[in-house]
């Protein structure tokens, strides 16, 4: 019994593997939601307009069903994307970096600084236009690579430099 911890004595509201008590989360920029909505608008908007025009021209009921389904999916995407972006966060601790994502399917990635091999900062054309960037962490195991999207470029550069220096310091001790 000495090694086992009785979790039944702890209130259920404080026992969450996705929200440790001693962590202050840093949120990503809300411009990430704008980028995701623009991409969703392109991927869903073009088929929505095409199916609406075809439904109006050919007066086929199934084309209207497709148009209404695409409209419903577009509205749902508009509601969900903002909440998804607000759920993304990261926290720097003494020995590791925590990355949290997801609403329905939550993910918490813990990346020890000593396992980091490479830290990339990337930004595509849309991200550069919106003033955001992504930081990607490469580790010794491909399964533990992690990405933080939606960072302001100055924060992405600061985080890259800080993580790289912490990773080098931890590797030097090996």
Protein backbone atom coordinates (compact mmCIF):
# COMPACT_ATOMS: atom_id res chain seq x y z
CA UNK A 1 0.00 0.00 0.00
CA UNK A 2 2.98 2.31 0.45
CA UNK A 3 3.46 2.93 -3.29
CA UNK A 4 -0.20 3.23 -4.24
CA UNK A 5 -2.04 6.52 -4.10
CA UNK A 6 -5.72 6.59 -3.22
CA UNK A 7 -7.29 8.84 -5.86
CA UNK A 8 -10.77 8.33 -4.42
CA UNK A 9 -9.86 10.79 -1.66
CA UNK A 10 -9.24 13.53 -4.23
CA UNK A 11 -12.26 15.41 -5.60
CA UNK A 12 -13.01 14.42 -9.21
CA UNK A 13 -12.87 18.04 -10.39
CA UNK A 14 -9.14 18.32 -9.58
CA UNK A 15 -8.11 14.99 -11.10
CA UNK A 16 -7.50 15.77 -14.76
CA UNK A 17 -4.55 14.54 -16.77
CA UNK A 18 -5.12 17.43 -19.21
CA UNK A 19 -4.98 20.29 -16.70
CA UNK A 20 -2.27 19.87 -14.04
CA UNK A 21 -2.68 22.16 -11.03
CA UNK A 22 0.80 23.70 -11.15
CA UNK A 23 0.67 24.80 -14.81
CA UNK A 24 -0.12 28.21 -16.27
CA UNK A 25 -1.14 27.78 -19.90
CA UNK A 26 -0.11 30.22 -22.63
CA UNK A 27 -2.78 30.54 -25.32
CA UNK A 28 -2.13 30.89 -29.03
CA UNK A 29 -3.27 33.86 -31.11
CA UNK A 30 -6.91 34.07 -32.12
CA UNK A 31 -5.65 34.79 -35.64
CA UNK A 32 -5.25 31.02 -35.95
CA UNK A 33 -9.06 30.79 -35.91
CA UNK A 34 -9.19 33.32 -38.75
CA UNK A 35 -6.71 31.25 -40.78
CA UNK A 36 -8.67 28.05 -40.19
CA UNK A 37 -11.96 29.75 -41.08
CA UNK A 38 -10.49 31.10 -44.33
CA UNK A 39 -9.30 27.63 -45.30
CA UNK A 40 -12.66 26.10 -44.35
CA UNK A 41 -14.39 28.81 -46.36
CA UNK A 42 -12.39 27.85 -49.43
CA UNK A 43 -12.84 24.08 -48.99
CA UNK A 44 -16.54 24.29 -48.14
CA UNK A 45 -17.53 27.55 -49.87
CA UNK A 46 -16.60 26.55 -53.41
CA UNK A 47 -18.62 23.29 -53.35
CA UNK A 48 -21.48 25.11 -51.60
CA UNK A 49 -21.69 27.76 -54.32
CA UNK A 50 -21.30 25.15 -57.08
CA UNK A 51 -24.02 22.88 -55.68
CA UNK A 52 -26.36 25.85 -55.13
CA UNK A 53 -25.90 27.08 -58.70
CA UNK A 54 -26.37 23.57 -60.11
CA UNK A 55 -29.46 23.06 -57.95
CA UNK A 56 -30.95 26.32 -59.18
CA UNK A 57 -30.16 25.58 -62.84
CA UNK A 58 -31.22 21.91 -62.96
CA UNK A 59 -33.87 22.01 -60.21
CA UNK A 60 -32.77 18.66 -58.79
CA UNK A 61 -33.80 18.07 -55.16
CA UNK A 62 -30.68 16.05 -54.29
CA UNK A 63 -28.50 19.03 -55.28
CA UNK A 64 -30.41 21.17 -52.78
CA UNK A 65 -29.79 18.52 -50.13
CA UNK A 66 -26.07 18.69 -50.87
CA UNK A 67 -26.14 22.51 -50.69
CA UNK A 68 -28.02 22.50 -47.36
CA UNK A 69 -25.64 19.87 -45.93
CA UNK A 70 -22.62 21.95 -46.97
CA UNK A 71 -24.21 25.06 -45.46
CA UNK A 72 -24.85 23.23 -42.18
CA UNK A 73 -21.26 21.93 -42.16
CA UNK A 74 -19.97 25.45 -42.81
CA UNK A 75 -21.99 26.87 -39.91
CA UNK A 76 -20.85 24.06 -37.60
CA UNK A 77 -17.23 24.68 -38.60
CA UNK A 78 -17.65 28.37 -37.81
CA UNK A 79 -18.83 27.54 -34.30
CA UNK A 80 -16.25 24.82 -33.55
CA UNK A 81 -13.07 26.45 -34.88
CA UNK A 82 -13.04 29.30 -32.36
CA UNK A 83 -13.50 26.90 -29.47
CA UNK A 84 -10.78 24.60 -30.79
CA UNK A 85 -8.28 27.46 -31.00
CA UNK A 86 -9.13 28.64 -27.47
CA UNK A 87 -8.40 25.10 -26.22
CA UNK A 88 -4.83 25.13 -27.56
CA UNK A 89 -2.16 26.03 -25.04
CA UNK A 90 1.41 25.35 -24.04
CA UNK A 91 3.39 25.64 -20.85
CA UNK A 92 7.12 25.68 -20.20
CA UNK A 93 8.17 23.84 -17.07
CA UNK A 94 11.63 23.25 -15.62
CA UNK A 95 12.24 19.93 -17.39
CA UNK A 96 9.66 19.75 -20.17
CA UNK A 97 7.20 21.51 -22.45
CA UNK A 98 3.48 20.72 -22.25
CA UNK A 99 1.19 21.15 -25.26
CA UNK A 100 -2.57 20.82 -24.84
CA UNK A 101 -5.14 20.60 -27.66
CA UNK A 102 -8.67 19.47 -28.26
CA UNK A 103 -12.18 19.79 -26.92
CA UNK A 104 -13.87 16.48 -27.53
CA UNK A 105 -10.69 14.47 -28.00
CA UNK A 106 -8.17 16.08 -25.65
CA UNK A 107 -4.45 15.64 -26.12
CA UNK A 108 -1.64 16.53 -23.75
CA UNK A 109 1.87 16.11 -25.13
CA UNK A 110 4.84 16.29 -22.76
CA UNK A 111 8.16 16.88 -24.50
CA UNK A 112 11.26 16.65 -22.27
CA UNK A 113 13.84 19.27 -23.20
CA UNK A 114 16.57 16.64 -23.29
CA UNK A 115 14.74 14.75 -26.06
CA UNK A 116 14.48 17.73 -28.42
CA UNK A 117 16.71 17.50 -31.45
CA UNK A 118 15.42 20.27 -33.69
CA UNK A 119 13.03 23.21 -33.32
CA UNK A 120 11.51 24.69 -36.50
CA UNK A 121 9.54 27.90 -37.00
CA UNK A 122 7.36 27.86 -40.12
CA UNK A 123 4.72 30.10 -41.67
CA UNK A 124 2.93 29.66 -44.98
CA UNK A 125 1.60 32.55 -47.09
CA UNK A 126 -1.73 32.79 -45.24
CA UNK A 127 -0.06 32.55 -41.83
CA UNK A 128 2.46 35.27 -42.77
CA UNK A 129 -0.38 37.49 -44.01
CA UNK A 130 -2.21 37.03 -40.70
CA UNK A 131 0.96 37.46 -38.64
CA UNK A 132 1.20 33.98 -37.13
CA UNK A 133 3.74 31.15 -37.20
CA UNK A 134 4.12 27.56 -36.01
CA UNK A 135 6.82 26.01 -33.86
CA UNK A 136 7.53 22.34 -34.55
CA UNK A 137 9.55 20.23 -32.15
CA UNK A 138 11.43 17.21 -33.46
CA UNK A 139 12.50 14.59 -30.95
CA UNK A 140 14.40 11.32 -31.05
CA UNK A 141 11.09 9.48 -31.48
CA UNK A 142 8.81 10.51 -34.38
CA UNK A 143 5.78 9.69 -32.24
CA UNK A 144 6.58 12.51 -29.83
CA UNK A 145 7.07 15.30 -32.35
CA UNK A 146 4.80 18.23 -31.51
CA UNK A 147 3.60 21.43 -33.14
CA UNK A 148 2.31 24.67 -31.65
CA UNK A 149 0.36 26.62 -34.27
CA UNK A 150 -0.86 30.21 -34.13
CA UNK A 151 2.01 31.96 -32.39
CA UNK A 152 2.88 35.58 -33.03
CA UNK A 153 6.24 35.52 -34.91
CA UNK A 154 8.14 37.22 -32.09
CA UNK A 155 6.81 34.66 -29.59
CA UNK A 156 7.62 31.82 -32.02
CA UNK A 157 11.23 33.06 -32.31
CA UNK A 158 11.54 33.50 -28.55
CA UNK A 159 10.14 30.03 -27.93
CA UNK A 160 12.41 28.48 -30.57
CA UNK A 161 15.51 30.04 -29.04
CA UNK A 162 14.49 29.16 -25.49
CA UNK A 163 13.62 25.56 -26.34
CA UNK A 164 16.80 25.09 -28.37
CA UNK A 165 18.96 26.41 -25.52
CA UNK A 166 17.14 24.29 -22.93
CA UNK A 167 17.47 21.24 -25.18
CA UNK A 168 21.20 21.83 -25.63
CA UNK A 169 21.66 22.29 -21.87
CA UNK A 170 19.85 19.02 -21.13
CA UNK A 171 21.77 17.11 -23.83
CA UNK A 172 25.08 18.42 -22.52
CA UNK A 173 24.45 16.55 -19.28
CA UNK A 174 24.04 13.18 -21.05
